[in-house]
Amino acid sequence: MSNRLDQPADTNAGSDNHVRTRARDVARNEGISNLQALQRVLYRSAKQDPTRRFHALYDKLTRSDVMWQAWVNVAANQGASGVDGVSIDSIEDGGMEGISSFLDELVAEVKGETYRPQPLRRVNIPKAGQPGVTRPLGIPALRDRVLMSAAKLVLEPVRGQFPVRGFGHQMSAPLAVMFNSR
């Protein structure tokens, strides 16, 4: 069993079944970003060895390239602020320093294992096709959305590993992990 995330499990020194590849090498050789290289290595490792289990993905959430792309994804969506009232515009008003500070604080909470998601902000929105009828909508805090986006970036390449049980395969990878781990 390999102790490195980007190496296939059960790699034999003389075996050519598994190609030893690191994300750093993939980025350099294929001319892609470090995040794309990480995703490619995770995907290839999962495909090469379907029995492999990824035990060390938590640290990948806090990589600067993962967090930055997660921020870009959330900011592009221009969603509403959560229960804490922090909006995308309020973070971007601080310029690059404001965004970096926001991401650094979030990374520190995750690394320090003190991160806790905030409650959802509940709003009622009109139900499509039914005038006068509303349905509740939960809006997560901005920091929670950024971390969910980071989890999606890391988990999507290995999501084929999760067993398909009931409706779990139709969900996003983070939700599938929660429901299928019972």
C-alpha atoms as a PDB file:
ATOM      1  CA  MET A   1       0.000   0.000   0.000  1.00  0.00           C
ATOM      2  CA  SER A   2       1.386   3.368  -0.971  1.00  0.00           C
ATOM      3  CA  ASN A   3       1.491   6.157   1.571  1.00  0.00           C
ATOM      4  CA  ARG A   4       1.355   8.807  -1.150  1.00  0.00           C
ATOM      5  CA  LEU A   5      -1.947  10.099  -2.423  1.00  0.00           C
ATOM      6  CA  ASP A   6      -0.917  10.310  -6.047  1.00  0.00           C
ATOM      7  CA  GLN A   7       0.461   6.767  -6.244  1.00  0.00           C
ATOM      8  CA  PRO A   8      -1.665   3.738  -7.023  1.00  0.00           C
ATOM      9  CA  ALA A   9      -2.059   1.347  -4.138  1.00  0.00           C
ATOM     10  CA  ASP A  10      -0.340  -2.025  -4.410  1.00  0.00           C
ATOM     11  CA  THR A  11       2.391  -0.786  -6.742  1.00  0.00           C
ATOM     12  CA  ASN A  12       5.093  -3.363  -7.381  1.00  0.00           C
ATOM     13  CA  ALA A  13       8.578  -2.169  -8.284  1.00  0.00           C
ATOM     14  CA  GLY A  14       8.786  -4.430 -11.334  1.00  0.00           C
ATOM     15  CA  SER A  15       5.209  -4.042 -12.476  1.00  0.00           C
ATOM     16  CA  ASP A  16       4.344  -1.894 -15.452  1.00  0.00           C
ATOM     17  CA  ASN A  17       0.602  -2.059 -14.694  1.00  0.00           C
ATOM     18  CA  HIS A  18       0.779   1.215 -12.756  1.00  0.00           C
ATOM     19  CA  VAL A  19       2.650   4.262 -13.902  1.00  0.00           C
ATOM     20  CA  ARG A  20       4.114   6.279 -11.051  1.00  0.00           C
ATOM     21  CA  THR A  21       2.918   9.818 -11.563  1.00  0.00           C
ATOM     22  CA  ARG A  22       2.929  12.896  -9.393  1.00  0.00           C
ATOM     23  CA  ALA A  23       0.679  15.897  -9.946  1.00  0.00           C
ATOM     24  CA  ARG A  24       3.743  18.137 -10.177  1.00  0.00           C
ATOM     25  CA  ASP A  25       5.151  16.026 -13.024  1.00  0.00           C
ATOM     26  CA  VAL A  26       1.814  15.890 -14.832  1.00  0.00           C
ATOM     27  CA  ALA A  27       1.479  19.695 -14.676  1.00  0.00           C
ATOM     28  CA  ARG A  28       4.960  20.173 -16.100  1.00  0.00           C
ATOM     29  CA  ASN A  29       4.756  17.445 -18.764  1.00  0.00           C
ATOM     30  CA  GLU A  30       1.242  18.162 -19.995  1.00  0.00           C
ATOM     31  CA  GLY A  31       1.322  21.944 -19.646  1.00  0.00           C
ATOM     32  CA  ILE A  32      -1.742  22.191 -17.416  1.00  0.00           C
ATOM     33  CA  SER A  33      -2.444  23.950 -14.119  1.00  0.00           C
ATOM     34  CA  ASN A  34      -1.546  22.342 -10.795  1.00  0.00           C
ATOM     35  CA  LEU A  35      -5.250  21.907  -9.972  1.00  0.00           C
ATOM     36  CA  GLN A  36      -5.948  20.168 -13.282  1.00  0.00           C
ATOM     37  CA  ALA A  37      -2.912  17.968 -12.695  1.00  0.00           C
ATOM     38  CA  LEU A  38      -4.155  17.031  -9.212  1.00  0.00           C
ATOM     39  CA  GLN A  39      -7.571  16.151 -10.611  1.00  0.00           C
ATOM     40  CA  ARG A  40      -6.022  14.143 -13.434  1.00  0.00           C
ATOM     41  CA  VAL A  41      -3.771  12.174 -11.060  1.00  0.00           C
ATOM     42  CA  LEU A  42      -6.691  11.454  -8.713  1.00  0.00           C
ATOM     43  CA  TYR A  43      -8.843  10.332 -11.636  1.00  0.00           C
ATOM     44  CA  ARG A  44      -6.142   8.126 -13.139  1.00  0.00           C
ATOM     45  CA  SER A  45      -5.319   6.584  -9.756  1.00  0.00           C
ATOM     46  CA  ALA A  46      -8.979   5.750  -9.186  1.00  0.00           C
ATOM     47  CA  LYS A  47      -9.314   4.267 -12.681  1.00  0.00           C
ATOM     48  CA  GLN A  48      -6.088   2.239 -12.500  1.00  0.00           C
ATOM     49  CA  ASP A  49      -7.021   0.613  -9.218  1.00  0.00           C
ATOM     50  CA  PRO A  50     -10.777   0.483  -8.561  1.00  0.00           C
ATOM     51  CA  THR A  51     -10.140  -1.043  -5.121  1.00  0.00           C
ATOM     52  CA  ARG A  52      -7.951   1.861  -4.021  1.00  0.00           C
ATOM     53  CA  ARG A  53      -9.224   3.963  -1.148  1.00  0.00           C
ATOM     54  CA  PHE A  54      -8.220   7.585  -0.833  1.00  0.00           C
ATOM     55  CA  HIS A  55      -7.537   8.293   2.819  1.00  0.00           C
ATOM     56  CA  ALA A  56      -5.768  11.644   2.558  1.00  0.00           C
ATOM     57  CA  LEU A  57      -8.007  13.988   0.594  1.00  0.00           C
ATOM     58  CA  TYR A  58      -8.724  16.361   3.492  1.00  0.00           C
ATOM     59  CA  ASP A  59      -5.438  18.213   3.028  1.00  0.00           C
ATOM     60  CA  LYS A  60      -6.205  18.762  -0.660  1.00  0.00           C
ATOM     61  CA  LEU A  61      -9.129  21.044   0.269  1.00  0.00           C
ATOM     62  CA  THR A  62      -6.786  23.675   1.661  1.00  0.00           C
ATOM     63  CA  ARG A  63      -4.374  23.890  -1.262  1.00  0.00           C
ATOM     64  CA  SER A  64      -4.178  27.478  -2.475  1.00  0.00           C
ATOM     65  CA  ASP A  65      -5.025  26.543  -6.079  1.00  0.00           C
ATOM     66  CA  VAL A  66      -8.070  24.520  -4.985  1.00  0.00           C
ATOM     67  CA  MET A  67      -9.354  27.300  -2.708  1.00  0.00           C
ATOM     68  CA  TRP A  68      -8.755  29.964  -5.347  1.00  0.00           C
ATOM     69  CA  GLN A  69     -10.681  28.024  -8.011  1.00  0.00           C
ATOM     70  CA  ALA A  70     -13.456  27.360  -5.500  1.00  0.00           C
ATOM     71  CA  TRP A  71     -13.643  31.118  -4.843  1.00  0.00           C
ATOM     72  CA  VAL A  72     -13.748  31.851  -8.591  1.00  0.00           C
ATOM     73  CA  ASN A  73     -16.570  29.321  -9.056  1.00  0.00           C
ATOM     74  CA  VAL A  74     -18.632  30.767  -6.192  1.00  0.00           C
ATOM     75  CA  ALA A  75     -17.978  34.406  -7.159  1.00  0.00           C
ATOM     76  CA  ALA A  76     -18.978  33.729 -10.776  1.00  0.00           C
ATOM     77  CA  ASN A  77     -22.353  32.477  -9.561  1.00  0.00           C
ATOM     78  CA  GLN A  78     -23.058  35.818  -7.782  1.00  0.00           C
ATOM     79  CA  GLY A  79     -25.271  34.166  -5.155  1.00  0.00           C
ATOM     80  CA  ALA A  80     -26.930  35.888  -2.218  1.00  0.00           C
ATOM     81  CA  SER A  81     -25.301  36.237   1.178  1.00  0.00           C
ATOM     82  CA  GLY A  82     -25.953  33.640   3.856  1.00  0.00           C
ATOM     83  CA  VAL A  83     -27.038  33.981   7.468  1.00  0.00           C
ATOM     84  CA  ASP A  84     -23.815  35.847   8.354  1.00  0.00           C
ATOM     85  CA  GLY A  85     -24.565  38.629   5.837  1.00  0.00           C
ATOM     86  CA  VAL A  86     -21.165  38.332   4.115  1.00  0.00           C
ATOM     87  CA  SER A  87     -21.556  38.907   0.391  1.00  0.00           C
ATOM     88  CA  ILE A  88     -19.246  38.373  -2.548  1.00  0.00           C
ATOM     89  CA  ASP A  89     -19.144  42.139  -3.120  1.00  0.00           C
ATOM     90  CA  SER A  90     -18.080  42.808   0.474  1.00  0.00           C
ATOM     91  CA  ILE A  91     -15.141  40.403   0.097  1.00  0.00           C
ATOM     92  CA  GLU A  92     -14.186  41.783  -3.334  1.00  0.00           C
ATOM     93  CA  ASP A  93     -14.334  45.370  -2.012  1.00  0.00           C
ATOM     94  CA  GLY A  94     -11.102  44.592  -0.167  1.00  0.00           C
ATOM     95  CA  GLY A  95      -9.410  43.763  -3.465  1.00  0.00           C
ATOM     96  CA  MET A  96      -6.963  40.883  -3.706  1.00  0.00           C
ATOM     97  CA  GLU A  97      -6.026  41.387  -0.048  1.00  0.00           C
ATOM     98  CA  GLY A  98      -9.672  40.968   0.997  1.00  0.00           C
ATOM     99  CA  ILE A  99     -10.083  37.772  -1.008  1.00  0.00           C
ATOM    100  CA  SER A 100      -6.757  36.382   0.217  1.00  0.00           C
ATOM    101  CA  SER A 101      -7.624  37.224   3.821  1.00  0.00           C
ATOM    102  CA  PHE A 102     -11.037  35.552   3.488  1.00  0.00           C
ATOM    103  CA  LEU A 103      -9.520  32.391   1.987  1.00  0.00           C
ATOM    104  CA  ASP A 104      -6.630  32.350   4.499  1.00  0.00           C
ATOM    105  CA  GLU A 105      -9.057  32.524   7.439  1.00  0.00           C
ATOM    106  CA  LEU A 106     -11.129  29.701   5.974  1.00  0.00           C
ATOM    107  CA  VAL A 107      -8.026  27.570   5.358  1.00  0.00           C
ATOM    108  CA  ALA A 108      -6.836  28.189   8.935  1.00  0.00           C
ATOM    109  CA  GLU A 109     -10.200  27.008  10.301  1.00  0.00           C
ATOM    110  CA  VAL A 110     -10.153  23.863   8.165  1.00  0.00           C
ATOM    111  CA  LYS A 111      -6.537  23.034   8.996  1.00  0.00           C
ATOM    112  CA  GLY A 112      -7.119  23.747  12.675  1.00  0.00           C
ATOM    113  CA  GLU A 113     -10.205  21.521  12.548  1.00  0.00           C
ATOM    114  CA  THR A 114     -12.325  24.315  14.013  1.00  0.00           C
ATOM    115  CA  TYR A 115     -14.428  24.887  10.897  1.00  0.00           C
ATOM    116  CA  ARG A 116     -18.144  24.446  11.448  1.00  0.00           C
ATOM    117  CA  PRO A 117     -20.737  25.190   8.753  1.00  0.00           C
ATOM    118  CA  GLN A 118     -23.168  27.964   9.575  1.00  0.00           C
ATOM    119  CA  PRO A 119     -26.948  27.543   9.556  1.00  0.00           C
ATOM    120  CA  LEU A 120     -28.745  28.144   6.279  1.00  0.00           C
ATOM    121  CA  ARG A 121     -30.580  31.394   5.686  1.00  0.00           C
ATOM    122  CA  ARG A 122     -34.196  30.485   4.903  1.00  0.00           C
ATOM    123  CA  VAL A 123     -36.110  32.455   2.303  1.00  0.00           C
ATOM    124  CA  ASN A 124     -39.371  31.677   0.577  1.00  0.00           C
ATOM    125  CA  ILE A 125     -39.340  31.866  -3.186  1.00  0.00           C
ATOM    126  CA  PRO A 126     -42.264  31.579  -5.626  1.00  0.00           C
ATOM    127  CA  LYS A 127     -42.972  28.064  -6.811  1.00  0.00           C
ATOM    128  CA  ALA A 128     -42.797  27.704 -10.585  1.00  0.00           C
ATOM    129  CA  GLY A 129     -46.143  27.263 -12.290  1.00  0.00           C
ATOM    130  CA  GLN A 130     -48.144  27.883  -9.113  1.00  0.00           C
ATOM    131  CA  PRO A 131     -48.928  31.581  -8.625  1.00  0.00           C
ATOM    132  CA  GLY A 132     -49.155  32.634  -4.989  1.00  0.00           C
ATOM    133  CA  VAL A 133     -47.415  29.473  -3.720  1.00  0.00           C
ATOM    134  CA  THR A 134     -43.922  29.622  -2.279  1.00  0.00           C
ATOM    135  CA  ARG A 135     -41.319  27.084  -1.282  1.00  0.00           C
ATOM    136  CA  PRO A 136     -38.483  27.394   1.231  1.00  0.00           C
ATOM    137  CA  LEU A 137     -34.923  27.805   0.002  1.00  0.00           C
ATOM    138  CA  GLY A 138     -31.835  27.437   2.179  1.00  0.00           C
ATOM    139  CA  ILE A 139     -28.936  29.744   1.313  1.00  0.00           C
ATOM    140  CA  PRO A 140     -25.551  28.694   2.736  1.00  0.00           C
ATOM    141  CA  ALA A 141     -23.012  31.220   3.967  1.00  0.00           C
ATOM    142  CA  LEU A 142     -20.364  32.299   1.476  1.00  0.00           C
ATOM    143  CA  ARG A 143     -17.575  30.493   3.364  1.00  0.00           C
ATOM    144  CA  ASP A 144     -19.590  27.261   3.313  1.00  0.00           C
ATOM    145  CA  ARG A 145     -20.192  27.565  -0.422  1.00  0.00           C
ATOM    146  CA  VAL A 146     -16.484  28.079  -1.069  1.00  0.00           C
ATOM    147  CA  LEU A 147     -15.594  24.990   0.965  1.00  0.00           C
ATOM    148  CA  MET A 148     -18.313  22.928  -0.753  1.00  0.00           C
ATOM    149  CA  SER A 149     -16.919  24.005  -4.115  1.00  0.00           C
ATOM    150  CA  ALA A 150     -13.412  22.997  -2.987  1.00  0.00           C
ATOM    151  CA  ALA A 151     -14.741  19.602  -1.876  1.00  0.00           C
ATOM    152  CA  LYS A 152     -16.390  19.169  -5.266  1.00  0.00           C
ATOM    153  CA  LEU A 153     -13.128  19.954  -7.073  1.00  0.00           C
ATOM    154  CA  VAL A 154     -11.271  17.323  -5.040  1.00  0.00           C
ATOM    155  CA  LEU A 155     -13.953  14.621  -4.895  1.00  0.00           C
ATOM    156  CA  GLU A 156     -15.257  14.637  -8.473  1.00  0.00           C
ATOM    157  CA  PRO A 157     -12.217  12.877  -9.961  1.00  0.00           C
ATOM    158  CA  VAL A 158     -12.630   9.908  -7.586  1.00  0.00           C
ATOM    159  CA  ARG A 159     -16.413   9.787  -7.385  1.00  0.00           C
ATOM    160  CA  GLY A 160     -16.575   6.590  -9.414  1.00  0.00           C
ATOM    161  CA  GLN A 161     -15.228   4.856  -6.322  1.00  0.00           C
ATOM    162  CA  PHE A 162     -18.351   5.484  -4.299  1.00  0.00           C
ATOM    163  CA  PRO A 163     -20.787   2.568  -4.387  1.00  0.00           C
ATOM    164  CA  VAL A 164     -24.060   3.231  -6.151  1.00  0.00           C
ATOM    165  CA  ARG A 165     -26.851   2.664  -3.663  1.00  0.00           C
ATOM    166  CA  GLY A 166     -30.307   4.002  -4.300  1.00  0.00           C
ATOM    167  CA  PHE A 167     -30.246   7.653  -5.213  1.00  0.00           C
ATOM    168  CA  GLY A 168     -26.660   8.363  -4.084  1.00  0.00           C
ATOM    169  CA  HIS A 169     -25.239   8.246  -7.604  1.00  0.00           C
ATOM    170  CA  GLN A 170     -27.502  11.112  -8.675  1.00  0.00           C
ATOM    171  CA  MET A 171     -26.168  13.529  -6.049  1.00  0.00           C
ATOM    172  CA  SER A 172     -23.116  15.673  -5.965  1.00  0.00           C
ATOM    173  CA  ALA A 173     -20.034  13.867  -4.702  1.00  0.00           C
ATOM    174  CA  PRO A 174     -19.958  15.474  -1.208  1.00  0.00           C
ATOM    175  CA  LEU A 175     -23.570  14.521  -0.559  1.00  0.00           C
ATOM    176  CA  ALA A 176     -23.037  11.030  -1.910  1.00  0.00           C
ATOM    177  CA  VAL A 177     -20.183  10.535   0.535  1.00  0.00           C
ATOM    178  CA  MET A 178     -22.405  11.509   3.462  1.00  0.00           C
ATOM    179  CA  PHE A 179     -25.353   9.320   2.479  1.00  0.00           C
ATOM    180  CA  ASN A 180     -23.358   6.284   1.313  1.00  0.00           C
ATOM    181  CA  SER A 181     -21.126   6.164   4.383  1.00  0.00           C
ATOM    182  CA  ARG A 182     -23.935   4.922   6.647  1.00  0.00           C
END
